[in-house]
Amino acid sequence: MSLDPAKTAVVLIEYQNDFTSEGGVLHGAVEGVMEKTDMLPNTERVVEAARSAGATIMHAPIMFAKGYNEISAHPYGILKGVVDGNAFVKGTWGAAITEELDPQEGDIVIEGKRGLDTFASTNLDFILRSKGISTIVLGGFLTNCCVESTMRSGYENGYEVITLSDCVAATSEEEHDNALKYDYPMFSKPMTSAELIAELS
């Protein structure tokens, strides 16, 4: 299988300082798996190769207005952790996309992500369809949360979904490994960054 870059988008989920960078609210929780997978350097290589090949690069940050009025006053689960930690507040350093993957001219920043599934509250599906994109390549945070939710929706919506096994991280190795082993093969074509780069070249 070789990919048609014109019909391919790399969707970068929540590569924001609160996750990626020293001092980020949630960085300590994901740092171990990030180091194990070498996800940032791998993602940088994927983005560079995909850009050169002519694929679309999309950034999908999650952001909230100060006070989190866009979501329930009583969040639970993963979003409770975000609110309690005061993470991903619009306009802050923590919510900014990490410098290494700063959006470049021609990239698309997906707007409206407030929950786990990138399709749920954003303009992602509209943009993909209007550009004639049929394959989405996913990397980001968390392996078993936002990336997995987006993968499942992409699969349901008829896209060809590729997940990058060494461009994702979770809050524990167990959760990360479990998602890669059991869930990803059901709803996507898992690949390493090197395998994807080979498909694009």
N, C-alpha and C. Protein backbone atom coordinates (compact mmCIF):
# COMPACT_ATOMS: atom_id res chain seq x y z
N MET A 1 0.85 -1.20 0.00
CA MET A 1 0.00 0.00 0.00
C MET A 1 0.88 1.24 0.00
N SER A 2 0.74 2.07 -1.02
CA SER A 2 1.42 3.36 -0.88
C SER A 2 0.36 4.45 -0.88
N LEU A 3 0.61 5.47 -0.10
CA LEU A 3 -0.41 6.48 0.16
C LEU A 3 -0.40 7.57 -0.89
N ASP A 4 -1.58 8.06 -1.23
CA ASP A 4 -1.69 9.23 -2.10
C ASP A 4 -1.69 10.47 -1.19
N PRO A 5 -0.58 11.23 -1.20
CA PRO A 5 -0.49 12.38 -0.29
C PRO A 5 -1.64 13.38 -0.46
N ALA A 6 -2.16 13.50 -1.69
CA ALA A 6 -3.24 14.46 -1.94
C ALA A 6 -4.50 14.08 -1.17
N LYS A 7 -4.62 12.80 -0.82
CA LYS A 7 -5.83 12.34 -0.12
C LYS A 7 -5.53 11.96 1.33
N THR A 8 -4.38 12.40 1.82
CA THR A 8 -3.93 12.01 3.16
C THR A 8 -3.74 13.23 4.05
N ALA A 9 -4.22 13.11 5.30
CA ALA A 9 -3.98 14.16 6.29
C ALA A 9 -3.36 13.54 7.53
N VAL A 10 -2.32 14.19 8.05
CA VAL A 10 -1.74 13.81 9.33
C VAL A 10 -2.41 14.69 10.38
N VAL A 11 -3.11 14.06 11.33
CA VAL A 11 -3.85 14.80 12.35
C VAL A 11 -3.10 14.67 13.67
N LEU A 12 -2.58 15.80 14.14
CA LEU A 12 -1.74 15.85 15.35
C LEU A 12 -2.60 16.27 16.53
N ILE A 13 -2.85 15.33 17.44
CA ILE A 13 -3.82 15.55 18.50
C ILE A 13 -3.15 16.01 19.80
N GLU A 14 -3.41 17.24 20.16
CA GLU A 14 -3.01 17.80 21.46
C GLU A 14 -1.51 17.77 21.73
N TYR A 15 -0.71 18.11 20.72
CA TYR A 15 0.73 18.29 20.95
C TYR A 15 0.94 19.66 21.57
N GLN A 16 0.43 19.82 22.79
CA GLN A 16 0.44 21.11 23.47
C GLN A 16 1.35 21.04 24.70
N ASN A 17 1.86 22.20 25.11
CA ASN A 17 2.85 22.24 26.19
C ASN A 17 2.40 21.55 27.47
N ASP A 18 1.11 21.62 27.78
CA ASP A 18 0.65 20.97 29.02
C ASP A 18 0.93 19.47 29.01
N PHE A 19 1.01 18.88 27.82
CA PHE A 19 1.42 17.49 27.69
C PHE A 19 2.92 17.34 27.37
N THR A 20 3.39 18.10 26.36
CA THR A 20 4.68 17.79 25.75
C THR A 20 5.89 18.31 26.51
N SER A 21 5.71 19.34 27.31
CA SER A 21 6.87 20.13 27.76
C SER A 21 7.04 20.14 29.27
N GLU A 22 8.29 20.18 29.67
CA GLU A 22 8.65 20.30 31.09
C GLU A 22 7.91 21.49 31.67
N GLY A 23 7.21 21.29 32.79
CA GLY A 23 6.44 22.38 33.38
C GLY A 23 4.98 22.36 32.98
N GLY A 24 4.63 21.57 31.96
CA GLY A 24 3.22 21.42 31.57
C GLY A 24 2.45 20.68 32.65
N VAL A 25 1.18 21.05 32.82
CA VAL A 25 0.36 20.49 33.90
C VAL A 25 0.34 18.96 33.88
N LEU A 26 0.23 18.37 32.69
CA LEU A 26 0.07 16.92 32.59
C LEU A 26 1.33 16.23 32.08
N HIS A 27 2.41 16.98 31.95
CA HIS A 27 3.64 16.41 31.36
C HIS A 27 4.19 15.25 32.19
N GLY A 28 4.20 15.43 33.50
CA GLY A 28 4.74 14.38 34.36
C GLY A 28 4.04 13.05 34.19
N ALA A 29 2.73 13.12 33.90
CA ALA A 29 1.93 11.89 33.76
C ALA A 29 2.27 11.12 32.48
N VAL A 30 2.71 11.82 31.44
CA VAL A 30 2.94 11.16 30.14
C VAL A 30 4.41 11.03 29.77
N GLU A 31 5.26 11.66 30.57
CA GLU A 31 6.67 11.75 30.22
C GLU A 31 7.31 10.38 30.01
N GLY A 32 6.98 9.42 30.88
CA GLY A 32 7.59 8.09 30.78
C GLY A 32 7.31 7.42 29.45
N VAL A 33 6.06 7.43 29.03
CA VAL A 33 5.69 6.78 27.76
C VAL A 33 6.23 7.59 26.57
N MET A 34 6.23 8.91 26.70
CA MET A 34 6.79 9.75 25.63
C MET A 34 8.25 9.37 25.35
N GLU A 35 8.99 9.18 26.44
CA GLU A 35 10.40 8.83 26.28
C GLU A 35 10.56 7.43 25.71
N LYS A 36 9.71 6.53 26.16
CA LYS A 36 9.78 5.14 25.69
C LYS A 36 9.52 5.06 24.18
N THR A 37 8.55 5.80 23.70
CA THR A 37 8.20 5.74 22.28
C THR A 37 9.01 6.73 21.43
N ASP A 38 9.69 7.68 22.10
CA ASP A 38 10.43 8.73 21.37
C ASP A 38 9.47 9.52 20.49
N MET A 39 8.30 9.79 21.02
CA MET A 39 7.20 10.28 20.16
C MET A 39 7.45 11.64 19.51
N LEU A 40 8.09 12.57 20.23
CA LEU A 40 8.25 13.90 19.61
C LEU A 40 9.19 13.88 18.41
N PRO A 41 10.40 13.31 18.54
CA PRO A 41 11.27 13.24 17.35
C PRO A 41 10.63 12.44 16.22
N ASN A 42 9.94 11.35 16.56
CA ASN A 42 9.26 10.55 15.52
C ASN A 42 8.20 11.37 14.80
N THR A 43 7.43 12.12 15.59
CA THR A 43 6.37 12.93 14.98
C THR A 43 6.96 14.02 14.09
N GLU A 44 8.04 14.63 14.56
CA GLU A 44 8.69 15.66 13.73
C GLU A 44 9.11 15.09 12.37
N ARG A 45 9.67 13.88 12.39
CA ARG A 45 10.09 13.25 11.12
C ARG A 45 8.89 12.96 10.22
N VAL A 46 7.82 12.48 10.82
CA VAL A 46 6.60 12.19 10.04
C VAL A 46 6.07 13.46 9.38
N VAL A 47 6.00 14.54 10.18
CA VAL A 47 5.45 15.80 9.67
C VAL A 47 6.31 16.34 8.52
N GLU A 48 7.61 16.27 8.71
CA GLU A 48 8.53 16.73 7.66
C GLU A 48 8.34 15.94 6.36
N ALA A 49 8.26 14.61 6.50
CA ALA A 49 8.09 13.75 5.31
C ALA A 49 6.73 13.98 4.67
N ALA A 50 5.70 14.12 5.49
CA ALA A 50 4.35 14.30 4.96
C ALA A 50 4.22 15.64 4.25
N ARG A 51 4.80 16.67 4.84
CA ARG A 51 4.79 18.00 4.20
C ARG A 51 5.49 17.94 2.85
N SER A 52 6.67 17.35 2.85
CA SER A 52 7.46 17.26 1.60
C SER A 52 6.69 16.51 0.52
N ALA A 53 5.95 15.48 0.95
CA ALA A 53 5.22 14.65 -0.02
C ALA A 53 3.94 15.34 -0.52
N GLY A 54 3.52 16.39 0.20
CA GLY A 54 2.31 17.12 -0.22
C GLY A 54 1.05 16.72 0.53
N ALA A 55 1.21 15.97 1.64
CA ALA A 55 0.05 15.63 2.46
C ALA A 55 -0.36 16.85 3.29
N THR A 56 -1.57 16.82 3.81
CA THR A 56 -2.08 17.92 4.64
C THR A 56 -1.71 17.67 6.10
N ILE A 57 -1.22 18.71 6.78
CA ILE A 57 -0.91 18.61 8.20
C ILE A 57 -1.98 19.36 8.97
N MET A 58 -2.60 18.66 9.91
CA MET A 58 -3.65 19.27 10.73
C MET A 58 -3.27 19.19 12.20
N HIS A 59 -3.51 20.27 12.93
CA HIS A 59 -3.24 20.31 14.36
C HIS A 59 -4.59 20.36 15.07
N ALA A 60 -4.76 19.50 16.09
CA ALA A 60 -6.04 19.46 16.80
C ALA A 60 -5.82 19.69 18.29
N PRO A 61 -5.62 20.97 18.67
CA PRO A 61 -5.45 21.26 20.10
C PRO A 61 -6.80 21.29 20.82
N ILE A 62 -6.77 20.98 22.11
CA ILE A 62 -7.97 21.12 22.95
C ILE A 62 -7.79 22.41 23.74
N MET A 63 -8.83 23.24 23.78
CA MET A 63 -8.71 24.51 24.49
C MET A 63 -10.04 24.92 25.11
N PHE A 64 -9.92 25.55 26.24
CA PHE A 64 -11.10 26.02 26.95
C PHE A 64 -10.91 27.47 27.36
N ALA A 65 -12.01 28.22 27.39
CA ALA A 65 -11.96 29.57 27.95
C ALA A 65 -11.72 29.44 29.45
N LYS A 66 -11.11 30.44 30.04
CA LYS A 66 -10.87 30.44 31.49
C LYS A 66 -12.20 30.19 32.21
N GLY A 67 -12.19 29.26 33.13
CA GLY A 67 -13.43 28.94 33.86
C GLY A 67 -14.16 27.72 33.31
N TYR A 68 -13.76 27.26 32.11
CA TYR A 68 -14.30 26.00 31.52
C TYR A 68 -15.83 26.02 31.38
N ASN A 69 -16.39 27.19 31.02
CA ASN A 69 -17.85 27.25 30.91
C ASN A 69 -18.41 26.48 29.72
N GLU A 70 -17.54 26.05 28.78
CA GLU A 70 -18.04 25.31 27.61
C GLU A 70 -18.46 23.89 27.96
N ILE A 71 -18.00 23.39 29.12
CA ILE A 71 -18.35 22.02 29.47
C ILE A 71 -19.11 21.98 30.78
N SER A 72 -19.58 20.80 31.15
CA SER A 72 -20.39 20.60 32.36
C SER A 72 -19.74 21.24 33.58
N ALA A 73 -20.58 21.75 34.45
CA ALA A 73 -20.08 22.32 35.71
C ALA A 73 -19.56 21.21 36.63
N HIS A 74 -19.91 19.96 36.31
CA HIS A 74 -19.47 18.82 37.14
C HIS A 74 -18.79 17.78 36.27
N PRO A 75 -17.62 18.13 35.71
CA PRO A 75 -16.96 17.17 34.83
C PRO A 75 -16.49 15.95 35.62
N TYR A 76 -16.40 14.81 34.94
CA TYR A 76 -15.89 13.61 35.60
C TYR A 76 -14.93 12.93 34.63
N GLY A 77 -14.24 11.91 35.12
CA GLY A 77 -13.30 11.20 34.25
C GLY A 77 -12.14 12.10 33.85
N ILE A 78 -11.69 11.92 32.61
CA ILE A 78 -10.48 12.61 32.15
C ILE A 78 -10.63 14.13 32.15
N LEU A 79 -11.82 14.63 31.82
CA LEU A 79 -11.98 16.09 31.78
C LEU A 79 -11.94 16.71 33.17
N LYS A 80 -12.30 15.94 34.19
CA LYS A 80 -12.17 16.44 35.56
C LYS A 80 -10.69 16.72 35.88
N GLY A 81 -9.82 15.84 35.40
CA GLY A 81 -8.38 16.04 35.59
C GLY A 81 -7.88 17.31 34.91
N VAL A 82 -8.43 17.58 33.74
CA VAL A 82 -8.05 18.80 33.00
C VAL A 82 -8.48 20.03 33.77
N VAL A 83 -9.73 20.04 34.23
CA VAL A 83 -10.26 21.19 34.96
C VAL A 83 -9.55 21.37 36.30
N ASP A 84 -9.38 20.27 37.04
CA ASP A 84 -8.72 20.36 38.35
C ASP A 84 -7.29 20.87 38.22
N GLY A 85 -6.63 20.51 37.13
CA GLY A 85 -5.24 20.94 36.92
C GLY A 85 -5.13 22.30 36.25
N ASN A 86 -6.28 22.86 35.84
CA ASN A 86 -6.31 24.14 35.12
C ASN A 86 -5.47 24.06 33.84
N ALA A 87 -5.67 22.97 33.10
CA ALA A 87 -4.89 22.72 31.88
C ALA A 87 -5.63 23.24 30.64
N PHE A 88 -4.85 23.50 29.59
CA PHE A 88 -5.38 23.83 28.26
C PHE A 88 -6.30 25.05 28.25
N VAL A 89 -5.91 26.07 29.01
CA VAL A 89 -6.70 27.31 29.01
C VAL A 89 -6.21 28.19 27.86
N LYS A 90 -7.16 28.58 27.00
CA LYS A 90 -6.87 29.39 25.82
C LYS A 90 -6.00 30.60 26.16
N GLY A 91 -4.98 30.82 25.36
CA GLY A 91 -4.14 31.99 25.57
C GLY A 91 -2.97 31.76 26.51
N THR A 92 -2.90 30.57 27.14
CA THR A 92 -1.79 30.30 28.07
C THR A 92 -0.69 29.52 27.35
N TRP A 93 0.49 29.51 27.97
CA TRP A 93 1.62 28.73 27.44
C TRP A 93 1.25 27.25 27.37
N GLY A 94 0.55 26.75 28.39
CA GLY A 94 0.20 25.34 28.44
C GLY A 94 -0.66 24.88 27.28
N ALA A 95 -1.53 25.76 26.82
CA ALA A 95 -2.43 25.40 25.72
C ALA A 95 -1.78 25.56 24.34
N ALA A 96 -0.63 26.25 24.30
CA ALA A 96 0.02 26.49 23.00
C ALA A 96 0.60 25.18 22.44
N ILE A 97 0.59 25.08 21.11
CA ILE A 97 1.20 23.92 20.45
C ILE A 97 2.71 23.98 20.66
N THR A 98 3.29 22.83 20.97
CA THR A 98 4.72 22.77 21.27
C THR A 98 5.56 23.31 20.11
N GLU A 99 6.62 24.00 20.48
CA GLU A 99 7.47 24.69 19.50
C GLU A 99 7.95 23.78 18.37
N GLU A 100 8.30 22.53 18.73
CA GLU A 100 8.83 21.60 17.71
C GLU A 100 7.85 21.34 16.58
N LEU A 101 6.56 21.49 16.87
CA LEU A 101 5.54 21.19 15.86
C LEU A 101 4.69 22.41 15.55
N ASP A 102 5.29 23.57 15.74
CA ASP A 102 4.60 24.83 15.47
C ASP A 102 3.94 24.78 14.08
N PRO A 103 2.64 25.12 13.98
CA PRO A 103 1.99 25.09 12.66
C PRO A 103 2.72 25.97 11.64
N GLN A 104 2.92 25.42 10.46
CA GLN A 104 3.57 26.14 9.37
C GLN A 104 2.53 26.63 8.37
N GLU A 105 2.97 27.49 7.47
CA GLU A 105 2.07 27.98 6.43
C GLU A 105 1.52 26.79 5.65
N GLY A 106 0.22 26.75 5.45
CA GLY A 106 -0.40 25.64 4.73
C GLY A 106 -0.98 24.58 5.66
N ASP A 107 -0.52 24.55 6.92
CA ASP A 107 -1.11 23.63 7.90
C ASP A 107 -2.51 24.13 8.26
N ILE A 108 -3.31 23.24 8.81
CA ILE A 108 -4.66 23.61 9.25
C ILE A 108 -4.77 23.36 10.75
N VAL A 109 -5.26 24.36 11.48
CA VAL A 109 -5.51 24.18 12.91
C VAL A 109 -7.01 23.95 13.08
N ILE A 110 -7.34 22.76 13.57
CA ILE A 110 -8.74 22.39 13.76
C ILE A 110 -9.28 23.13 14.98
N GLU A 111 -10.47 23.69 14.82
CA GLU A 111 -11.02 24.51 15.89
C GLU A 111 -12.19 23.83 16.58
N GLY A 112 -12.29 24.07 17.87
CA GLY A 112 -13.49 23.66 18.61
C GLY A 112 -13.35 22.39 19.42
N LYS A 113 -12.13 21.83 19.53
CA LYS A 113 -12.00 20.59 20.30
C LYS A 113 -12.19 20.88 21.79
N ARG A 114 -13.23 20.28 22.35
CA ARG A 114 -13.53 20.48 23.77
C ARG A 114 -13.64 19.14 24.50
N GLY A 115 -13.64 18.05 23.74
CA GLY A 115 -13.76 16.73 24.36
C GLY A 115 -12.71 15.80 23.78
N LEU A 116 -12.98 14.51 23.83
CA LEU A 116 -11.97 13.51 23.49
C LEU A 116 -11.88 13.24 22.00
N ASP A 117 -13.03 13.06 21.37
CA ASP A 117 -13.09 12.71 19.95
C ASP A 117 -12.92 13.97 19.11
N THR A 118 -11.88 13.99 18.28
CA THR A 118 -11.62 15.20 17.49
C THR A 118 -12.75 15.49 16.51
N PHE A 119 -13.50 14.47 16.12
CA PHE A 119 -14.62 14.71 15.19
C PHE A 119 -15.81 15.36 15.89
N ALA A 120 -15.94 15.16 17.21
CA ALA A 120 -17.22 15.44 17.89
C ALA A 120 -17.64 16.90 17.88
N SER A 121 -16.73 17.81 18.20
CA SER A 121 -17.18 19.20 18.38
C SER A 121 -16.39 20.16 17.48
N THR A 122 -15.80 19.62 16.41
CA THR A 122 -14.92 20.45 15.58
C THR A 122 -15.34 20.48 14.12
N ASN A 123 -14.55 21.21 13.33
CA ASN A 123 -14.77 21.30 11.88
C ASN A 123 -13.92 20.28 11.11
N LEU A 124 -13.40 19.25 11.82
CA LEU A 124 -12.50 18.29 11.18
C LEU A 124 -13.15 17.57 10.00
N ASP A 125 -14.31 16.99 10.21
CA ASP A 125 -14.95 16.20 9.15
C ASP A 125 -15.25 17.07 7.93
N PHE A 126 -15.75 18.27 8.18
CA PHE A 126 -16.06 19.20 7.09
C PHE A 126 -14.82 19.49 6.24
N ILE A 127 -13.70 19.78 6.91
CA ILE A 127 -12.48 20.11 6.18
C ILE A 127 -11.95 18.91 5.41
N LEU A 128 -11.94 17.74 6.05
CA LEU A 128 -11.45 16.53 5.36
C LEU A 128 -12.27 16.27 4.10
N ARG A 129 -13.59 16.33 4.23
CA ARG A 129 -14.45 16.03 3.07
C ARG A 129 -14.29 17.09 1.98
N SER A 130 -14.20 18.35 2.39
CA SER A 130 -14.11 19.40 1.38
C SER A 130 -12.77 19.34 0.64
N LYS A 131 -11.76 18.76 1.26
CA LYS A 131 -10.45 18.63 0.61
C LYS A 131 -10.29 17.29 -0.10
N GLY A 132 -11.31 16.43 -0.02
CA GLY A 132 -11.23 15.14 -0.68
C GLY A 132 -10.26 14.18 -0.02
N ILE A 133 -10.07 14.34 1.30
CA ILE A 133 -9.13 13.47 2.02
C ILE A 133 -9.85 12.21 2.49
N SER A 134 -9.24 11.06 2.21
CA SER A 134 -9.87 9.78 2.59
C SER A 134 -9.04 8.99 3.60
N THR A 135 -7.78 9.38 3.80
CA THR A 135 -6.92 8.69 4.77
C THR A 135 -6.47 9.66 5.85
N ILE A 136 -6.66 9.27 7.11
CA ILE A 136 -6.15 10.11 8.20
C ILE A 136 -5.10 9.32 8.98
N VAL A 137 -4.02 10.01 9.32
CA VAL A 137 -2.91 9.43 10.06
C VAL A 137 -2.89 10.12 11.42
N LEU A 138 -2.99 9.34 12.49
CA LEU A 138 -3.15 9.93 13.82
C LEU A 138 -1.94 9.73 14.71
N GLY A 139 -1.58 10.81 15.43
CA GLY A 139 -0.59 10.75 16.49
C GLY A 139 -1.01 11.71 17.58
N GLY A 140 -0.48 11.50 18.80
CA GLY A 140 -0.77 12.47 19.85
C GLY A 140 -1.08 11.86 21.20
N PHE A 141 -1.90 12.58 21.95
CA PHE A 141 -2.22 12.23 23.35
C PHE A 141 -3.74 12.08 23.48
N LEU A 142 -4.17 11.27 24.33
CA LEU A 142 -3.51 10.13 24.94
C LEU A 142 -3.79 8.91 24.06
N THR A 143 -2.88 7.96 24.08
CA THR A 143 -3.02 6.75 23.25
C THR A 143 -4.42 6.17 23.36
N ASN A 144 -4.90 6.03 24.61
CA ASN A 144 -6.15 5.32 24.89
C ASN A 144 -7.32 6.26 25.13
N CYS A 145 -7.15 7.52 24.78
CA CYS A 145 -8.21 8.49 25.06
C CYS A 145 -8.54 9.27 23.79
N CYS A 146 -7.96 10.45 23.61
CA CYS A 146 -8.33 11.27 22.45
C CYS A 146 -7.92 10.63 21.12
N VAL A 147 -6.74 10.01 21.09
CA VAL A 147 -6.32 9.38 19.83
C VAL A 147 -7.25 8.20 19.53
N GLU A 148 -7.54 7.40 20.55
CA GLU A 148 -8.41 6.24 20.34
C GLU A 148 -9.83 6.68 19.97
N SER A 149 -10.37 7.70 20.63
CA SER A 149 -11.72 8.17 20.31
C SER A 149 -11.80 8.67 18.87
N THR A 150 -10.77 9.40 18.45
CA THR A 150 -10.74 9.93 17.08
C THR A 150 -10.59 8.80 16.07
N MET A 151 -9.76 7.81 16.39
CA MET A 151 -9.58 6.64 15.54
C MET A 151 -10.92 5.93 15.30
N ARG A 152 -11.64 5.69 16.37
CA ARG A 152 -12.91 4.96 16.26
C ARG A 152 -13.91 5.75 15.40
N SER A 153 -14.00 7.06 15.62
CA SER A 153 -14.93 7.87 14.82
C SER A 153 -14.51 7.92 13.36
N GLY A 154 -13.22 8.04 13.12
CA GLY A 154 -12.73 8.04 11.74
C GLY A 154 -13.11 6.75 11.03
N TYR A 155 -12.96 5.65 11.73
CA TYR A 155 -13.31 4.33 11.19
C TYR A 155 -14.80 4.27 10.88
N GLU A 156 -15.63 4.71 11.83
CA GLU A 156 -17.09 4.71 11.65
C GLU A 156 -17.51 5.63 10.50
N ASN A 157 -16.77 6.73 10.32
CA ASN A 157 -17.14 7.71 9.29
C ASN A 157 -16.60 7.35 7.91
N GLY A 158 -15.95 6.20 7.80
CA GLY A 158 -15.55 5.72 6.48
C GLY A 158 -14.17 6.15 6.02
N TYR A 159 -13.38 6.73 6.89
CA TYR A 159 -12.01 7.09 6.52
C TYR A 159 -11.11 5.86 6.66
N GLU A 160 -10.03 5.86 5.89
CA GLU A 160 -8.98 4.89 6.15
C GLU A 160 -8.14 5.50 7.27
N VAL A 161 -8.02 4.79 8.38
CA VAL A 161 -7.36 5.35 9.57
C VAL A 161 -6.03 4.62 9.79
N ILE A 162 -4.96 5.40 9.88
CA ILE A 162 -3.65 4.86 10.24
C ILE A 162 -3.27 5.45 11.58
N THR A 163 -2.86 4.59 12.52
CA THR A 163 -2.39 5.09 13.81
C THR A 163 -0.89 4.85 13.89
N LEU A 164 -0.18 5.84 14.42
CA LEU A 164 1.27 5.76 14.52
C LEU A 164 1.66 5.28 15.92
N SER A 165 2.08 4.03 16.02
CA SER A 165 2.29 3.41 17.33
C SER A 165 3.41 4.06 18.13
N ASP A 166 4.37 4.71 17.45
CA ASP A 166 5.46 5.36 18.18
C ASP A 166 5.36 6.88 18.15
N CYS A 167 4.14 7.37 17.90
CA CYS A 167 3.87 8.82 17.96
C CYS A 167 2.68 9.09 18.88
N VAL A 168 2.50 8.22 19.87
CA VAL A 168 1.41 8.39 20.83
C VAL A 168 1.96 8.12 22.24
N ALA A 169 1.28 8.65 23.25
CA ALA A 169 1.68 8.39 24.63
C ALA A 169 0.46 8.44 25.53
N ALA A 170 0.52 7.65 26.62
CA ALA A 170 -0.55 7.62 27.62
C ALA A 170 0.04 7.88 29.00
N THR A 171 -0.82 7.84 30.01
CA THR A 171 -0.34 8.14 31.36
C THR A 171 0.31 6.93 32.03
N SER A 172 0.20 5.76 31.41
CA SER A 172 0.94 4.60 31.92
C SER A 172 1.26 3.67 30.76
N GLU A 173 2.33 2.89 30.92
CA GLU A 173 2.71 1.94 29.88
C GLU A 173 1.62 0.89 29.69
N GLU A 174 0.97 0.49 30.79
CA GLU A 174 -0.07 -0.54 30.70
C GLU A 174 -1.22 -0.09 29.79
N GLU A 175 -1.69 1.14 30.02
CA GLU A 175 -2.81 1.64 29.21
C GLU A 175 -2.39 1.80 27.76
N HIS A 176 -1.19 2.32 27.56
CA HIS A 176 -0.64 2.53 26.22
C HIS A 176 -0.53 1.19 25.47
N ASP A 177 0.12 0.21 26.12
CA ASP A 177 0.33 -1.09 25.47
C ASP A 177 -0.98 -1.80 25.20
N ASN A 178 -1.90 -1.69 26.15
CA ASN A 178 -3.21 -2.35 25.99
C ASN A 178 -3.96 -1.80 24.78
N ALA A 179 -3.97 -0.48 24.64
CA ALA A 179 -4.66 0.14 23.50
C ALA A 179 -4.03 -0.29 22.18
N LEU A 180 -2.69 -0.27 22.14
CA LEU A 180 -2.00 -0.65 20.90
C LEU A 180 -2.23 -2.11 20.54
N LYS A 181 -2.26 -2.95 21.57
CA LYS A 181 -2.37 -4.39 21.31
C LYS A 181 -3.79 -4.81 20.93
N TYR A 182 -4.78 -4.29 21.67
CA TYR A 182 -6.14 -4.80 21.51
C TYR A 182 -7.07 -3.90 20.70
N ASP A 183 -6.94 -2.59 20.86
CA ASP A 183 -7.94 -1.69 20.26
C ASP A 183 -7.53 -1.15 18.89
N TYR A 184 -6.30 -0.73 18.76
CA TYR A 184 -5.88 -0.10 17.50
C TYR A 184 -6.07 -1.00 16.29
N PRO A 185 -5.72 -2.31 16.37
CA PRO A 185 -5.87 -3.15 15.17
C PRO A 185 -7.33 -3.34 14.74
N MET A 186 -8.27 -3.11 15.65
CA MET A 186 -9.68 -3.28 15.30
C MET A 186 -10.23 -2.12 14.49
N PHE A 187 -9.67 -0.92 14.71
CA PHE A 187 -10.26 0.29 14.11
C PHE A 187 -9.27 1.08 13.26
N SER A 188 -8.08 0.52 13.01
CA SER A 188 -7.10 1.27 12.23
C SER A 188 -6.05 0.31 11.69
N LYS A 189 -5.15 0.89 10.90
CA LYS A 189 -3.97 0.16 10.45
C LYS A 189 -2.79 0.74 11.24
N PRO A 190 -2.37 0.06 12.31
CA PRO A 190 -1.25 0.59 13.08
C PRO A 190 0.06 0.50 12.29
N MET A 191 0.87 1.53 12.39
CA MET A 191 2.17 1.58 11.71
C MET A 191 3.15 2.31 12.61
N THR A 192 4.43 2.07 12.39
CA THR A 192 5.44 2.91 13.04
C THR A 192 5.64 4.15 12.17
N SER A 193 6.31 5.15 12.74
CA SER A 193 6.60 6.37 11.97
C SER A 193 7.46 6.02 10.74
N ALA A 194 8.41 5.12 10.92
CA ALA A 194 9.29 4.76 9.80
C ALA A 194 8.50 4.08 8.68
N GLU A 195 7.55 3.22 9.05
CA GLU A 195 6.72 2.55 8.03
C GLU A 195 5.88 3.57 7.27
N LEU A 196 5.34 4.55 7.99
CA LEU A 196 4.53 5.57 7.32
C LEU A 196 5.40 6.40 6.36
N ILE A 197 6.57 6.78 6.82
CA ILE A 197 7.47 7.59 5.97
C ILE A 197 7.80 6.81 4.70
N ALA A 198 8.02 5.52 4.81
CA ALA A 198 8.29 4.68 3.64
C ALA A 198 7.11 4.68 2.67
N GLU A 199 5.88 4.67 3.23
CA GLU A 199 4.67 4.70 2.38
C GLU A 199 4.55 6.03 1.62
N LEU A 200 5.07 7.08 2.22
CA LEU A 200 4.93 8.41 1.61
C LEU A 200 6.02 8.71 0.59
N SER A 201 7.13 7.94 0.67
CA SER A 201 8.25 8.33 -0.20
C SER A 201 8.24 7.55 -1.51
